[in-house]
Protein backbone atom coordinates (compact mmCIF):
# COMPACT_ATOMS: atom_id res chain seq x y z
CA MET A 1 -33.87 11.47 -193.13
CA VAL A 2 -34.93 10.09 -196.52
CA ASP A 3 -37.33 12.12 -198.67
CA SER A 4 -40.72 10.68 -199.71
CA ALA A 5 -39.67 9.84 -203.30
CA LEU A 6 -36.70 7.88 -201.97
CA ARG A 7 -38.94 6.08 -199.45
CA SER A 8 -41.27 5.11 -202.28
CA ASN A 9 -38.39 3.56 -204.24
CA LEU A 10 -37.13 1.73 -201.15
CA SER A 11 -40.52 0.13 -200.54
CA LEU A 12 -40.28 -2.05 -203.65
CA ASN A 13 -41.43 -5.59 -203.07
CA LEU A 14 -38.27 -7.66 -203.28
CA ARG A 15 -39.70 -10.85 -201.76
CA GLY A 16 -41.31 -12.14 -204.90
CA GLY A 17 -44.17 -11.35 -207.29
CA SER A 18 -43.99 -8.42 -209.61
CA PRO A 19 -41.08 -5.98 -209.10
CA ARG A 20 -43.51 -3.20 -210.06
CA GLN A 21 -46.00 -3.97 -207.33
CA GLY A 22 -47.16 -0.77 -205.74
CA VAL A 23 -45.49 1.31 -208.43
CA VAL A 24 -47.32 3.27 -211.14
CA VAL A 25 -45.36 2.67 -214.37
CA GLU A 26 -45.77 5.11 -217.23
CA GLY A 27 -44.58 4.81 -220.80
CA ALA A 28 -43.98 1.05 -220.66
CA THR A 29 -45.71 -1.72 -222.51
CA GLY A 30 -48.18 -3.87 -220.65
CA GLY A 31 -48.64 -7.60 -220.25
CA TRP A 32 -50.27 -8.05 -223.66
CA SER A 33 -46.93 -7.31 -225.31
CA ASP A 34 -45.30 -10.27 -223.53
CA LEU A 35 -47.98 -12.93 -223.17
CA TYR A 36 -45.46 -15.72 -222.48
CA HIS A 37 -43.92 -13.90 -219.55
CA THR A 38 -47.36 -12.96 -218.22
CA ALA A 39 -48.55 -16.55 -218.51
CA MET A 40 -45.47 -17.73 -216.61
CA VAL A 41 -45.72 -15.31 -213.68
CA VAL A 42 -49.46 -15.26 -212.92
CA GLY A 43 -50.85 -17.61 -210.31
CA TRP A 44 -52.50 -20.91 -211.22
CA PRO A 45 -56.07 -19.66 -210.57
CA ALA A 46 -55.58 -16.67 -212.87
CA PHE A 47 -53.83 -18.84 -215.49
CA LEU A 48 -56.55 -21.51 -215.54
CA GLY A 49 -59.26 -18.86 -215.44
CA ALA A 50 -57.77 -17.11 -218.45
CA ILE A 51 -57.57 -20.41 -220.40
CA ALA A 52 -61.23 -21.22 -219.53
CA ALA A 53 -62.40 -17.77 -220.57
CA LEU A 54 -60.45 -17.99 -223.84
CA PHE A 55 -61.94 -21.44 -224.48
CA LEU A 56 -65.48 -20.16 -224.01
CA ALA A 57 -64.86 -17.00 -226.05
CA VAL A 58 -63.46 -18.94 -229.02
CA ASN A 59 -66.38 -21.40 -229.06
CA PHE A 60 -68.93 -18.53 -228.85
CA VAL A 61 -67.20 -16.96 -231.84
CA PHE A 62 -67.37 -20.12 -233.89
CA ALA A 63 -71.00 -20.74 -232.79
CA GLY A 64 -71.80 -17.34 -234.19
CA LEU A 65 -70.09 -18.24 -237.47
CA TYR A 66 -72.10 -21.43 -237.73
CA ALA A 67 -75.27 -19.43 -236.94
CA VAL A 68 -74.72 -17.40 -240.12
CA GLN A 69 -75.91 -20.48 -241.96
CA PRO A 70 -77.83 -22.67 -239.44
CA SER A 71 -78.37 -25.37 -242.01
CA SER A 72 -74.60 -25.89 -242.31
CA VAL A 73 -74.74 -28.24 -239.30
CA ALA A 74 -76.94 -31.31 -239.40
CA ASN A 75 -79.41 -32.20 -236.60
CA VAL A 76 -79.37 -28.71 -235.04
CA ARG A 77 -82.69 -27.81 -233.49
CA PRO A 78 -84.26 -24.65 -234.91
CA ASP A 79 -83.38 -21.47 -233.02
CA GLU A 80 -81.18 -23.42 -230.58
CA VAL A 81 -77.95 -21.47 -230.55
CA SER A 82 -76.76 -23.72 -227.70
CA ASP A 83 -76.61 -26.63 -230.16
CA LEU A 84 -74.18 -24.68 -232.32
CA PHE A 85 -72.09 -23.77 -229.28
CA PHE A 86 -71.79 -27.35 -228.15
CA PHE A 87 -71.07 -28.46 -231.69
CA SER A 88 -68.24 -25.96 -231.70
CA VAL A 89 -66.99 -27.37 -228.40
CA GLU A 90 -67.04 -30.89 -229.84
CA THR A 91 -65.19 -29.74 -232.97
CA PHE A 92 -62.64 -27.62 -231.08
CA SER A 93 -61.89 -30.47 -228.69
CA THR A 94 -61.90 -33.05 -231.55
CA THR A 95 -64.53 -35.05 -229.63
CA GLY A 96 -67.05 -35.39 -232.46
CA TYR A 97 -69.95 -37.41 -230.97
CA GLY A 98 -71.49 -37.82 -234.45
CA ASP A 99 -75.10 -36.63 -233.92
CA MET A 100 -74.18 -33.19 -235.29
CA HIS A 101 -71.86 -32.75 -238.25
CA PRO A 102 -71.18 -30.28 -241.10
CA GLN A 103 -73.38 -30.84 -244.13
CA THR A 104 -72.63 -27.87 -246.39
CA PHE A 105 -69.48 -26.44 -247.89
CA TYR A 106 -69.76 -23.43 -245.54
CA GLY A 107 -70.07 -25.72 -242.54
CA HIS A 108 -67.07 -27.79 -243.55
CA ALA A 109 -65.03 -24.63 -244.18
CA ILE A 110 -65.76 -23.20 -240.72
CA ALA A 111 -65.14 -26.64 -239.10
CA THR A 112 -61.82 -26.85 -240.90
CA LEU A 113 -60.83 -23.37 -239.67
CA GLU A 114 -61.89 -24.32 -236.10
CA THR A 115 -59.87 -27.53 -236.23
CA PHE A 116 -56.78 -25.61 -237.29
CA ALA A 117 -57.36 -23.07 -234.46
CA SER A 118 -57.76 -26.03 -232.07
CA LEU A 119 -54.38 -27.47 -233.09
CA ILE A 120 -52.65 -24.15 -232.52
CA ALA A 121 -54.42 -23.56 -229.17
CA THR A 122 -53.76 -27.06 -227.89
CA ALA A 123 -50.04 -26.87 -228.75
CA GLY A 124 -49.74 -23.41 -227.16
CA VAL A 125 -51.56 -24.29 -223.90
CA THR A 126 -49.70 -27.59 -223.62
CA GLY A 127 -46.40 -25.80 -224.00
CA LEU A 128 -47.29 -23.18 -221.38
CA ILE A 129 -48.46 -25.79 -218.84
CA PHE A 130 -45.32 -27.83 -219.38
CA ALA A 131 -43.16 -24.75 -219.03
CA ARG A 132 -44.86 -23.78 -215.77
CA PHE A 133 -44.35 -27.29 -214.31
CA SER A 134 -40.84 -27.76 -215.56
CA ARG A 135 -39.53 -24.35 -214.51
CA PRO A 136 -36.54 -24.98 -212.19
CA ARG A 137 -37.06 -23.66 -208.68
CA ALA A 138 -35.03 -23.91 -205.54
CA ARG A 139 -36.91 -24.82 -202.38
CA LEU A 140 -34.92 -22.71 -199.99
CA VAL A 141 -36.35 -21.58 -196.69
CA PHE A 142 -34.95 -18.35 -195.29
CA ALA A 143 -35.11 -17.69 -191.61
CA ARG A 144 -37.73 -15.13 -190.80
CA ASN A 145 -35.30 -12.83 -188.98
CA PRO A 146 -31.53 -12.29 -189.51
CA ILE A 147 -29.57 -11.75 -186.35
CA VAL A 148 -26.77 -9.41 -185.40
CA ALA A 149 -24.43 -10.75 -182.74
CA THR A 150 -20.77 -11.14 -181.95
CA HIS A 151 -19.00 -13.90 -183.91
CA ASP A 152 -15.26 -14.52 -183.44
CA GLY A 153 -15.00 -11.20 -181.67
CA VAL A 154 -16.61 -9.18 -184.46
CA GLU A 155 -20.19 -7.91 -184.63
CA THR A 156 -21.69 -9.96 -187.44
CA LEU A 157 -24.93 -10.15 -189.40
CA MET A 158 -26.10 -13.76 -189.79
CA VAL A 159 -28.72 -15.17 -192.14
CA ARG A 160 -29.83 -18.78 -191.96
CA VAL A 161 -31.04 -20.74 -194.96
CA ALA A 162 -32.33 -24.33 -195.26
CA ASN A 163 -32.66 -26.59 -198.25
CA ALA A 164 -36.20 -28.08 -198.06
CA ARG A 165 -35.49 -30.63 -200.83
CA HIS A 166 -34.03 -34.07 -200.24
CA SER A 167 -31.23 -33.38 -202.71
CA PHE A 168 -27.96 -31.52 -202.87
CA LEU A 169 -27.62 -28.04 -204.29
CA SER A 170 -24.16 -28.26 -205.78
CA GLU A 171 -21.75 -25.37 -206.13
CA ALA A 172 -24.12 -23.10 -204.27
CA THR A 173 -23.09 -19.42 -204.18
CA ALA A 174 -24.55 -16.76 -201.95
CA LYS A 175 -24.52 -12.99 -202.25
CA LEU A 176 -25.64 -10.40 -199.76
CA TRP A 177 -26.61 -6.85 -200.70
CA TRP A 178 -27.44 -3.68 -198.86
CA LEU A 179 -30.27 -1.69 -200.47
CA GLY A 180 -30.70 1.80 -199.19
CA PRO A 181 -30.04 5.49 -199.67
CA ILE A 182 -26.65 6.46 -201.05
CA VAL A 183 -25.18 9.98 -201.21
CA ASN A 184 -22.58 10.57 -203.90
CA ALA A 185 -19.69 13.06 -203.93
CA GLU A 186 -21.95 15.73 -205.45
CA GLY A 187 -24.43 15.39 -202.60
CA ARG A 188 -27.14 13.65 -204.68
CA ARG A 189 -29.12 10.97 -202.98
CA TYR A 190 -30.33 7.86 -204.76
CA VAL A 191 -31.26 4.26 -203.99
CA GLY A 192 -28.47 1.85 -204.60
CA PHE A 193 -27.08 -1.60 -203.92
CA LEU A 194 -23.87 -2.15 -202.00
CA PRO A 195 -22.22 -5.58 -201.75
CA MET A 196 -21.83 -7.09 -198.32
CA LYS A 197 -18.88 -9.50 -198.09
CA LEU A 198 -19.42 -12.93 -196.63
CA LEU A 199 -16.98 -14.99 -194.70
CA ARG A 200 -17.98 -17.96 -196.85
CA GLY A 201 -20.01 -17.25 -199.96
CA GLU A 202 -19.71 -20.69 -201.53
CA ASN A 203 -21.04 -24.10 -200.46
CA PRO A 204 -19.95 -27.23 -202.44
CA ALA A 205 -23.06 -29.20 -201.47
CA LEU A 206 -25.96 -27.45 -199.74
CA ALA A 207 -28.01 -30.29 -198.26
CA LEU A 208 -29.50 -29.13 -194.94
CA SER A 209 -28.83 -25.62 -193.67
CA TRP A 210 -26.37 -22.82 -194.27
CA THR A 211 -25.70 -19.78 -192.10
CA LEU A 212 -24.23 -16.77 -193.88
CA PHE A 213 -21.88 -14.52 -191.92
CA HIS A 214 -21.28 -10.85 -192.79
CA PRO A 215 -18.77 -9.14 -190.48
CA ILE A 216 -19.84 -5.59 -189.67
CA ASP A 217 -16.39 -4.04 -189.95
CA ALA A 218 -15.25 -0.70 -191.37
CA SER A 219 -15.94 -1.92 -194.94
CA SER A 220 -19.56 -2.92 -194.17
CA PRO A 221 -22.48 -0.62 -195.15
CA LEU A 222 -23.89 -1.42 -191.66
CA TYR A 223 -20.79 -0.18 -189.86
CA GLY A 224 -21.61 2.51 -187.29
CA LYS A 225 -25.37 2.35 -187.98
CA SER A 226 -27.81 1.82 -185.19
CA ALA A 227 -30.98 -0.22 -185.51
CA ALA A 228 -33.09 2.96 -185.42
CA GLU A 229 -31.06 4.61 -188.18
CA LEU A 230 -31.48 1.54 -190.48
CA VAL A 231 -35.21 1.48 -189.88
CA ASP A 232 -35.58 5.18 -190.46
CA ALA A 233 -33.67 4.93 -193.76
CA GLN A 234 -35.81 1.94 -194.81
CA VAL A 235 -32.75 -0.17 -195.49
CA ASN A 236 -33.28 -3.67 -196.94
CA ILE A 237 -30.92 -6.64 -196.84
CA VAL A 238 -31.17 -8.75 -199.98
CA VAL A 239 -29.79 -12.31 -200.12
CA SER A 240 -29.60 -14.37 -203.30
CA ILE A 241 -28.48 -18.00 -203.66
CA ALA A 242 -27.82 -19.92 -206.87
CA GLY A 243 -26.67 -23.44 -207.51
CA LEU A 244 -27.16 -26.63 -209.50
CA ASP A 245 -29.93 -29.00 -208.44
CA GLU A 246 -28.41 -32.46 -208.72
CA THR A 247 -31.80 -34.15 -209.21
CA SER A 248 -32.88 -32.12 -212.25
CA SER A 249 -29.38 -31.05 -213.34
CA GLN A 250 -30.72 -27.55 -213.72
CA ALA A 251 -29.50 -24.23 -212.38
CA VAL A 252 -31.80 -22.85 -209.71
CA HIS A 253 -31.82 -19.70 -207.69
CA SER A 254 -33.74 -18.05 -204.87
CA ARG A 255 -33.91 -14.56 -203.44
CA HIS A 256 -35.18 -13.07 -200.22
CA ALA A 257 -35.23 -9.56 -198.76
CA TYR A 258 -35.32 -8.40 -195.17
CA ALA A 259 -36.47 -5.02 -193.94
CA ALA A 260 -34.28 -3.33 -191.33
CA ASP A 261 -36.91 -3.75 -188.61
CA GLU A 262 -36.73 -7.55 -189.07
CA LEU A 263 -33.13 -7.72 -187.82
CA LYS A 264 -32.80 -9.10 -184.31
CA TRP A 265 -29.90 -7.60 -182.40
CA SER A 266 -28.00 -9.58 -179.75
CA HIS A 267 -29.77 -12.82 -180.62
CA ASP A 268 -28.71 -16.34 -181.47
CA PHE A 269 -30.31 -18.93 -183.72
CA ILE A 270 -31.80 -21.97 -182.00
CA ASP A 271 -29.83 -25.06 -183.03
CA MET A 272 -31.70 -27.10 -185.62
CA PHE A 273 -29.62 -30.23 -185.03
CA ARG A 274 -29.56 -32.78 -182.22
CA PHE A 275 -28.19 -36.26 -181.66
CA ASP A 276 -30.21 -39.18 -180.34
CA ASP A 277 -28.97 -41.92 -178.04
CA ASN A 278 -27.73 -43.94 -181.02
CA GLY A 279 -25.56 -41.08 -182.24
CA ARG A 280 -27.78 -40.31 -185.24
CA ARG A 281 -28.13 -36.67 -186.17
CA HIS A 282 -31.60 -35.15 -186.48
CA VAL A 283 -32.54 -31.88 -188.11
CA ASP A 284 -35.70 -30.00 -187.19
CA PHE A 285 -36.64 -27.60 -190.01
CA SER A 286 -39.42 -26.14 -187.86
CA LYS A 287 -36.76 -24.37 -185.75
CA ILE A 288 -35.24 -22.47 -188.65
CA HIS A 289 -37.04 -19.25 -187.60
CA GLU A 290 -36.38 -19.57 -183.88
CA THR A 291 -33.95 -17.27 -182.11
CA LYS A 292 -33.09 -16.52 -178.51
CA SER A 293 -31.79 -13.43 -176.82
CA ARG A 294 -28.21 -13.45 -175.57
């Protein structure tokens, strides 16, 4: 059995998102200390919402500065703070409709400061949006369930992966890891990774699908373990694939993790390929998750 602290560590979310999800982190700096990373990892709704909130906040601040001397802006209606806010929006966005404009030294000074802030903000937001769009990503689809079945006379763990892009992933390399409880020679238990060897861990041109084979022999962390034992120990199987996207000429990678209860024993994958009457090969990506019992 694995103690509660070990179970907590084993329950880390390895399928994406924050690696600290569900974990209370103490003594570490928060997202404000690394705004670029935070801006890159949050979802689009949160990202755009933060930009909108910042835009409104900045314009409210400058509207307040203009309100210190209301006469600094021409054609502002008396006691209409909204006019100063919208003047700030026009200045910050460099729209400048012309009906309101600075008419005192103070007004010109604040407008100059706001224009400078606008230049910095525009450059920063533009860079972040470009970085989010241009970030290289592999569109790999991992089968929902790995299978364990006999392959070439040896019990083998098999993981199927498909490339959802219409391009080659050159020099693709795959690694398989066992994540679970480890007991050292001193009897201490901890959570660790163990490599799981693959029959073929390299693919010169991943175009359609790729099945990874891990023989469960004496050197395998799964050797001698039953399905119930793996589930009880909360073992995870982690697969990572990296390669060069030929379209963008950028290195991309993808990672997926499987819980022990997702393994299907004595199953086969449904064939994704078929040939029509003209001898043309067809691939059906909708079948990547389908398995059948032996």
